[in-house]
Amino acid sequence: MRFSVYQESQVGGRKNNQDRMGYSFTRDALLLLLADGMGGHIQGETAAMIAMQTIGSLFQQNANPYVKKPEKFLEESFYAAHREIHRYRAINNLPETPRTTIVACLIQHNSAFWAHCGDSRLYWMRDGEILQRTKDHSLIETMIDQGKVDASERETHPDRNKLYNCLGAPNMPKVDISRRASLQGGDVMLLCSDGLWAVLSDQILAQHLRSATIVRAIPDLIKAAIEVAGKNSDNVTALAMMWEGSDAATGSNPDTITTHTLPIGSVTTTIQAPRHADLENADVFNETEIEKAIDEIRSAIEKSTRATTSKS
């Protein structure tokens, strides 16, 4: 694999930074992760870190040197992170469970798969155009889908920041997983927190990542988001990867990472991900439990929508 990657996070106008990000790669697989701890609940930064460590640890265990079933891996690693956050609450006897949004992208064999819970986003870009982006698990998106709100109100509606899905909630999370995406040289994957996308439009993000390398574009975008938001700026975090190909050719870009010489079994990572003994034999949720969790989520969405309708 050949790719370049850049990550940066700024605290913005907040007292502390609850965002976390990182990446890991083997000879044949690359994992990108970004989590945004939810400030409306206690220890959001802890939930974000637990999610990062859990998913990162499971990647190290399963990428030998690539992940055999990428969609299943993403779903089950998200569930494992959710359980670890609840275990942390129980061990520390907290009054409530910390919560976090999460977005992950797994790249191998010239293909990408991604998953998310909440409103941390992934953008897949090519030649300055957004091919796909994740859909926020928010009340505003639900109302748009139901035809109750026009899509033009997505960025201004008062309910745009109300989420119905995350890791650490009482219900099992809903994990949205993409279809396999075939990558071409020059494709960019951008993972970011709402501190970035809620301030800068999709068009601005795409324009910057077309006109400059990710090493230059990401710092400029983060700086712009903080300046626009001013003293009310949220934490602003972005992790971007530009794909250069799966062959072993050496490019002229000094920022290019080439993995074909890495030995099988080796992992390079920016995620502090110690192996947790209780994850070695982590139980996997069966189909009945998954369907039950999805039904609970749908019920919660319907209740929230009815409550919003009754107030308007």
Protein backbone atom coordinates (compact mmCIF):
# COMPACT_ATOMS: atom_id res chain seq x y z
CA MET A 1 0.00 0.00 0.00
CA ARG A 2 1.06 3.57 -0.63
CA PHE A 3 -0.68 6.48 1.05
CA SER A 4 -0.10 9.73 2.91
CA VAL A 5 -1.89 10.59 6.15
CA TYR A 6 -2.22 13.69 8.31
CA GLN A 7 -4.07 14.32 11.56
CA GLU A 8 -4.58 17.37 13.75
CA SER A 9 -6.81 18.41 16.64
CA GLN A 10 -7.33 21.79 18.32
CA VAL A 11 -9.24 22.54 21.51
CA GLY A 12 -11.00 25.58 20.04
CA GLY A 13 -12.98 27.61 22.56
CA ARG A 14 -13.51 24.72 24.98
CA LYS A 15 -11.71 24.08 28.28
CA ASN A 16 -10.52 20.65 27.22
CA ASN A 17 -10.36 18.50 24.12
CA GLN A 18 -12.72 15.51 24.08
CA ASP A 19 -11.86 14.49 20.52
CA ARG A 20 -9.52 11.58 19.83
CA MET A 21 -8.04 10.31 16.56
CA GLY A 22 -5.42 7.91 15.28
CA TYR A 23 -4.48 5.31 12.71
CA SER A 24 -2.87 1.88 12.52
CA PHE A 25 -1.50 -0.08 9.59
CA THR A 26 0.02 -3.41 8.72
CA ARG A 27 1.57 -4.44 5.41
CA ASP A 28 -1.87 -4.86 3.80
CA ALA A 29 -4.42 -2.95 5.91
CA LEU A 30 -4.94 0.58 7.21
CA LEU A 31 -7.38 1.64 9.94
CA LEU A 32 -8.41 5.28 10.46
CA LEU A 33 -10.30 6.21 13.63
CA LEU A 34 -11.87 9.37 15.04
CA ALA A 35 -14.04 9.75 18.14
CA ASP A 36 -15.79 12.78 19.62
CA GLY A 37 -16.60 12.47 23.31
CA MET A 38 -20.05 13.86 24.06
CA GLY A 39 -19.80 16.91 26.30
CA GLY A 40 -23.35 16.66 27.60
CA HIS A 41 -22.32 13.59 29.62
CA ILE A 42 -19.51 12.93 32.07
CA GLN A 43 -16.03 11.95 30.90
CA GLY A 44 -16.69 12.16 27.17
CA GLU A 45 -12.96 12.14 26.51
CA THR A 46 -12.68 8.85 28.41
CA ALA A 47 -15.38 7.24 26.29
CA ALA A 48 -13.59 8.43 23.15
CA MET A 49 -10.26 7.02 24.33
CA ILE A 50 -11.78 3.67 25.35
CA ALA A 51 -13.38 3.37 21.92
CA MET A 52 -10.09 4.18 20.19
CA GLN A 53 -8.11 1.71 22.29
CA THR A 54 -10.64 -1.09 21.97
CA ILE A 55 -11.04 -0.86 18.20
CA GLY A 56 -7.32 -0.30 17.72
CA SER A 57 -6.49 -3.34 19.83
CA LEU A 58 -8.91 -5.54 17.90
CA PHE A 59 -7.41 -4.35 14.62
CA GLN A 60 -3.97 -5.42 15.82
CA GLN A 61 -5.37 -8.84 16.66
CA ASN A 62 -7.28 -9.33 13.40
CA ALA A 63 -5.13 -7.71 10.70
CA ASN A 64 -2.81 -10.61 9.83
CA PRO A 65 -1.83 -8.85 7.65
CA TYR A 66 -5.37 -7.88 6.56
CA VAL A 67 -8.85 -8.24 8.05
CA LYS A 68 -10.69 -11.26 6.61
CA LYS A 69 -14.25 -9.93 7.00
CA PRO A 70 -14.04 -6.12 7.12
CA GLU A 71 -17.76 -5.35 7.54
CA LYS A 72 -18.11 -7.86 10.37
CA PHE A 73 -14.94 -6.55 12.00
CA LEU A 74 -16.19 -2.96 12.01
CA GLU A 75 -19.58 -3.88 13.46
CA GLU A 76 -18.25 -6.19 16.16
CA SER A 77 -15.41 -3.86 17.17
CA PHE A 78 -17.94 -1.03 17.66
CA TYR A 79 -20.04 -3.31 19.85
CA ALA A 80 -16.93 -4.29 21.82
CA ALA A 81 -16.08 -0.61 22.37
CA HIS A 82 -19.64 0.04 23.55
CA ARG A 83 -19.35 -2.81 26.08
CA GLU A 84 -15.96 -1.57 27.29
CA ILE A 85 -17.39 1.89 27.99
CA HIS A 86 -20.19 0.34 30.03
CA ARG A 87 -17.68 -1.84 31.86
CA TYR A 88 -15.68 1.28 32.73
CA ARG A 89 -18.81 2.87 34.23
CA ALA A 90 -19.55 -0.21 36.31
CA ILE A 91 -15.99 -0.59 37.60
CA ASN A 92 -15.80 3.08 38.58
CA ASN A 93 -19.38 3.24 39.90
CA LEU A 94 -20.21 6.31 37.82
CA PRO A 95 -23.71 7.84 37.97
CA GLU A 96 -24.01 7.57 34.17
CA THR A 97 -22.09 6.05 31.28
CA PRO A 98 -19.69 8.26 29.28
CA ARG A 99 -20.62 8.54 25.61
CA THR A 100 -18.89 9.18 22.33
CA THR A 101 -19.53 9.32 18.62
CA ILE A 102 -17.18 7.31 16.40
CA VAL A 103 -16.21 6.95 12.75
CA ALA A 104 -13.79 4.37 11.34
CA CYS A 105 -12.40 3.52 7.91
CA LEU A 106 -10.68 0.26 7.00
CA ILE A 107 -8.65 0.20 3.79
CA GLN A 108 -7.15 -2.90 2.18
CA HIS A 109 -6.75 -4.40 -1.30
CA ASN A 110 -7.53 -1.06 -2.99
CA SER A 111 -10.90 -0.96 -1.23
CA ALA A 112 -12.36 1.01 1.66
CA PHE A 113 -15.07 0.17 4.18
CA TRP A 114 -16.30 2.57 6.82
CA ALA A 115 -18.69 2.67 9.76
CA HIS A 116 -19.98 5.29 12.14
CA CYS A 117 -22.22 6.01 15.13
CA GLY A 118 -23.39 9.57 15.70
CA ASP A 119 -22.29 12.66 13.78
CA SER A 120 -18.55 12.24 13.39
CA ARG A 121 -18.25 12.18 9.61
CA LEU A 122 -16.32 10.53 6.80
CA TYR A 123 -16.00 12.12 3.36
CA TRP A 124 -14.77 10.18 0.32
CA MET A 125 -13.44 12.65 -2.24
CA ARG A 126 -12.05 12.38 -5.76
CA ASP A 127 -10.78 15.29 -7.87
CA GLY A 128 -12.41 17.80 -5.56
CA GLU A 129 -15.80 16.10 -5.66
CA ILE A 130 -17.50 14.39 -2.72
CA LEU A 131 -18.40 10.87 -3.84
CA GLN A 132 -19.98 9.88 -0.54
CA ARG A 133 -20.23 11.01 3.05
CA THR A 134 -21.70 9.46 6.15
CA LYS A 135 -25.21 10.39 7.22
CA ASP A 136 -25.47 11.83 10.73
CA HIS A 137 -27.50 9.91 13.30
CA SER A 138 -29.34 13.06 14.31
CA LEU A 139 -32.92 14.13 14.79
CA ILE A 140 -32.68 16.62 11.94
CA GLU A 141 -31.66 13.87 9.46
CA THR A 142 -34.58 11.74 10.63
CA MET A 143 -37.03 14.60 10.10
CA ILE A 144 -35.58 15.28 6.64
CA ASP A 145 -36.02 11.61 5.72
CA GLN A 146 -39.62 11.75 6.89
CA GLY A 147 -40.30 14.87 4.85
CA LYS A 148 -41.04 16.98 7.93
CA VAL A 149 -38.12 19.35 7.39
CA ASP A 150 -36.54 20.58 4.17
CA ALA A 151 -32.94 19.57 3.53
CA SER A 152 -31.99 23.25 3.24
CA GLU A 153 -32.51 23.55 7.03
CA ARG A 154 -29.86 20.92 7.80
CA GLU A 155 -27.24 23.46 8.90
CA THR A 156 -29.53 25.92 10.72
CA HIS A 157 -32.33 23.91 12.35
CA PRO A 158 -32.33 24.14 16.20
CA ASP A 159 -32.41 20.32 16.47
CA ARG A 160 -29.38 19.75 14.22
CA ASN A 161 -27.16 18.77 17.17
CA LYS A 162 -29.58 16.30 18.78
CA LEU A 163 -28.22 12.76 18.35
CA TYR A 164 -30.02 9.46 18.78
CA ASN A 165 -27.06 7.12 18.40
CA CYS A 166 -23.61 6.82 19.99
CA LEU A 167 -21.39 4.45 21.96
CA GLY A 168 -22.14 4.30 25.68
CA ALA A 169 -25.90 4.93 25.50
CA PRO A 170 -28.31 2.61 27.38
CA ASN A 171 -29.35 0.94 24.11
CA MET A 172 -27.11 -0.99 21.79
CA PRO A 173 -25.66 1.34 19.14
CA LYS A 174 -26.78 1.27 15.54
CA VAL A 175 -23.66 0.75 13.41
CA ASP A 176 -23.98 2.08 9.87
CA ILE A 177 -21.56 0.28 7.55
CA SER A 178 -20.75 1.30 3.99
CA ARG A 179 -20.54 -0.89 0.94
CA ARG A 180 -17.10 -1.64 -0.44
CA ALA A 181 -15.64 1.42 -2.16
CA SER A 182 -12.99 0.93 -4.88
CA LEU A 183 -10.22 3.49 -4.49
CA GLN A 184 -8.26 5.27 -7.20
CA GLY A 185 -4.96 7.08 -6.88
CA GLY A 186 -5.53 10.57 -5.47
CA ASP A 187 -8.72 9.66 -3.58
CA VAL A 188 -9.00 11.34 -0.19
CA MET A 189 -10.71 10.01 2.92
CA LEU A 190 -11.49 12.73 5.47
CA LEU A 191 -12.66 11.84 8.98
CA CYS A 192 -13.69 14.82 11.10
CA SER A 193 -15.63 15.91 14.16
CA ASP A 194 -18.59 18.30 14.05
CA GLY A 195 -16.28 21.10 15.14
CA LEU A 196 -15.10 21.15 11.53
CA TRP A 197 -18.06 20.17 9.33
CA ALA A 198 -20.66 22.17 11.30
CA VAL A 199 -18.72 25.37 10.61
CA LEU A 200 -17.32 24.85 7.11
CA SER A 201 -19.50 23.71 4.23
CA ASP A 202 -18.91 20.50 2.30
CA GLN A 203 -17.94 22.62 -0.70
CA ILE A 204 -15.21 24.42 1.27
CA LEU A 205 -13.83 21.11 2.58
CA ALA A 206 -13.70 19.63 -0.92
CA GLN A 207 -12.19 22.76 -2.45
CA HIS A 208 -9.33 22.91 0.06
CA LEU A 209 -8.52 19.22 -0.31
CA ARG A 210 -8.44 19.58 -4.09
CA SER A 211 -6.17 22.64 -4.21
CA ALA A 212 -3.63 21.52 -1.60
CA THR A 213 -2.05 18.40 -0.15
CA ILE A 214 -3.66 17.00 3.00
CA VAL A 215 -0.59 18.14 4.98
CA ARG A 216 -1.39 21.75 4.05
CA ALA A 217 -5.16 21.61 3.66
CA ILE A 218 -6.05 20.13 7.07
CA PRO A 219 -4.23 22.77 9.18
CA ASP A 220 -5.78 25.52 7.04
CA LEU A 221 -9.28 24.06 7.44
CA ILE A 222 -8.93 23.67 11.20
CA LYS A 223 -7.64 27.22 11.55
CA ALA A 224 -10.52 28.53 9.41
CA ALA A 225 -13.14 26.63 11.45
CA ILE A 226 -11.82 28.06 14.72
CA GLU A 227 -11.72 31.60 13.31
CA VAL A 228 -15.28 31.38 11.96
CA ALA A 229 -16.71 29.91 15.18
CA GLY A 230 -14.76 32.31 17.38
CA LYS A 231 -14.98 31.96 21.14
CA ASN A 232 -17.79 29.42 20.77
CA SER A 233 -15.65 27.05 18.72
CA ASP A 234 -15.98 23.36 19.52
CA ASN A 235 -12.99 21.01 19.52
CA VAL A 236 -11.89 20.75 15.88
CA THR A 237 -10.36 17.47 14.72
CA ALA A 238 -9.56 16.00 11.32
CA LEU A 239 -7.76 12.91 10.04
CA ALA A 240 -7.15 12.68 6.29
CA MET A 241 -5.65 10.00 4.07
CA MET A 242 -4.72 10.30 0.39
CA TRP A 243 -4.55 6.97 -1.41
CA GLU A 244 -1.68 6.46 -3.83
CA GLY A 245 -2.13 2.80 -4.70
CA SER A 246 -1.52 -0.79 -3.68
CA ASP A 247 1.60 -1.41 -5.78
CA ALA A 248 5.14 -1.18 -4.44
CA ALA A 249 6.29 1.69 -6.65
CA THR A 250 8.07 4.54 -4.92
CA GLY A 251 6.49 7.96 -5.38
CA SER A 252 8.16 11.36 -5.21
CA ASN A 253 5.97 12.60 -2.34
CA PRO A 254 8.14 12.68 0.80
CA ASP A 255 5.03 12.18 2.95
CA THR A 256 4.15 8.87 1.29
CA ILE A 257 4.02 5.77 3.49
CA THR A 258 4.91 2.53 1.71
CA THR A 259 4.02 -0.70 3.51
CA HIS A 260 5.06 -3.53 1.19
CA THR A 261 8.36 -4.02 3.01
CA LEU A 262 6.74 -4.46 6.43
CA PRO A 263 6.94 -8.01 7.78
CA ILE A 264 3.74 -9.94 8.38
CA GLY A 265 2.71 -9.53 12.01
CA SER A 266 4.09 -6.00 12.44
CA VAL A 267 1.77 -3.08 13.22
CA THR A 268 2.50 0.65 13.14
CA THR A 269 0.08 2.77 15.14
CA THR A 270 -0.56 6.20 16.63
CA ILE A 271 -3.28 4.73 18.87
CA GLN A 272 -2.38 3.81 22.41
CA ALA A 273 -4.09 0.45 22.31
CA PRO A 274 -3.00 -2.02 24.99
CA ARG A 275 -4.45 -5.48 24.57
CA HIS A 276 -7.29 -6.06 26.99
CA ALA A 277 -7.48 -9.62 28.28
CA ASP A 278 -11.27 -9.52 28.39
CA LEU A 279 -11.35 -8.67 24.68
CA GLU A 280 -9.49 -11.78 23.62
CA ASN A 281 -12.68 -13.83 23.98
CA ALA A 282 -15.20 -11.03 23.63
CA ASP A 283 -18.66 -12.34 22.95
CA VAL A 284 -20.30 -11.49 19.64
CA PHE A 285 -23.89 -10.29 19.54
CA ASN A 286 -26.13 -12.68 17.66
CA GLU A 287 -28.67 -11.67 15.01
CA THR A 288 -31.60 -11.67 17.45
CA GLU A 289 -29.83 -9.22 19.76
CA ILE A 290 -28.87 -7.00 16.84
CA GLU A 291 -32.47 -6.92 15.54
CA LYS A 292 -33.73 -6.13 19.03
CA ALA A 293 -31.25 -3.25 19.32
CA ILE A 294 -32.33 -1.87 15.95
CA ASP A 295 -36.00 -2.05 16.97
CA GLU A 296 -35.19 -0.15 20.18
CA ILE A 297 -33.40 2.55 18.18
CA ARG A 298 -36.29 2.89 15.74
CA SER A 299 -38.73 3.18 18.64
CA ALA A 300 -36.60 5.89 20.23
CA ILE A 301 -36.48 7.82 16.95
CA GLU A 302 -40.26 7.64 16.57
CA LYS A 303 -40.79 8.86 20.14
CA SER A 304 -38.38 11.77 19.63
CA THR A 305 -40.07 12.72 16.38
CA ARG A 306 -43.55 12.61 17.93
CA ALA A 307 -42.35 14.77 20.81
CA THR A 308 -40.88 17.32 18.40
CA THR A 309 -44.06 17.36 16.31
CA SER A 310 -46.24 17.92 19.38
CA LYS A 311 -44.14 20.92 20.45
CA SER A 312 -44.25 22.61 17.05
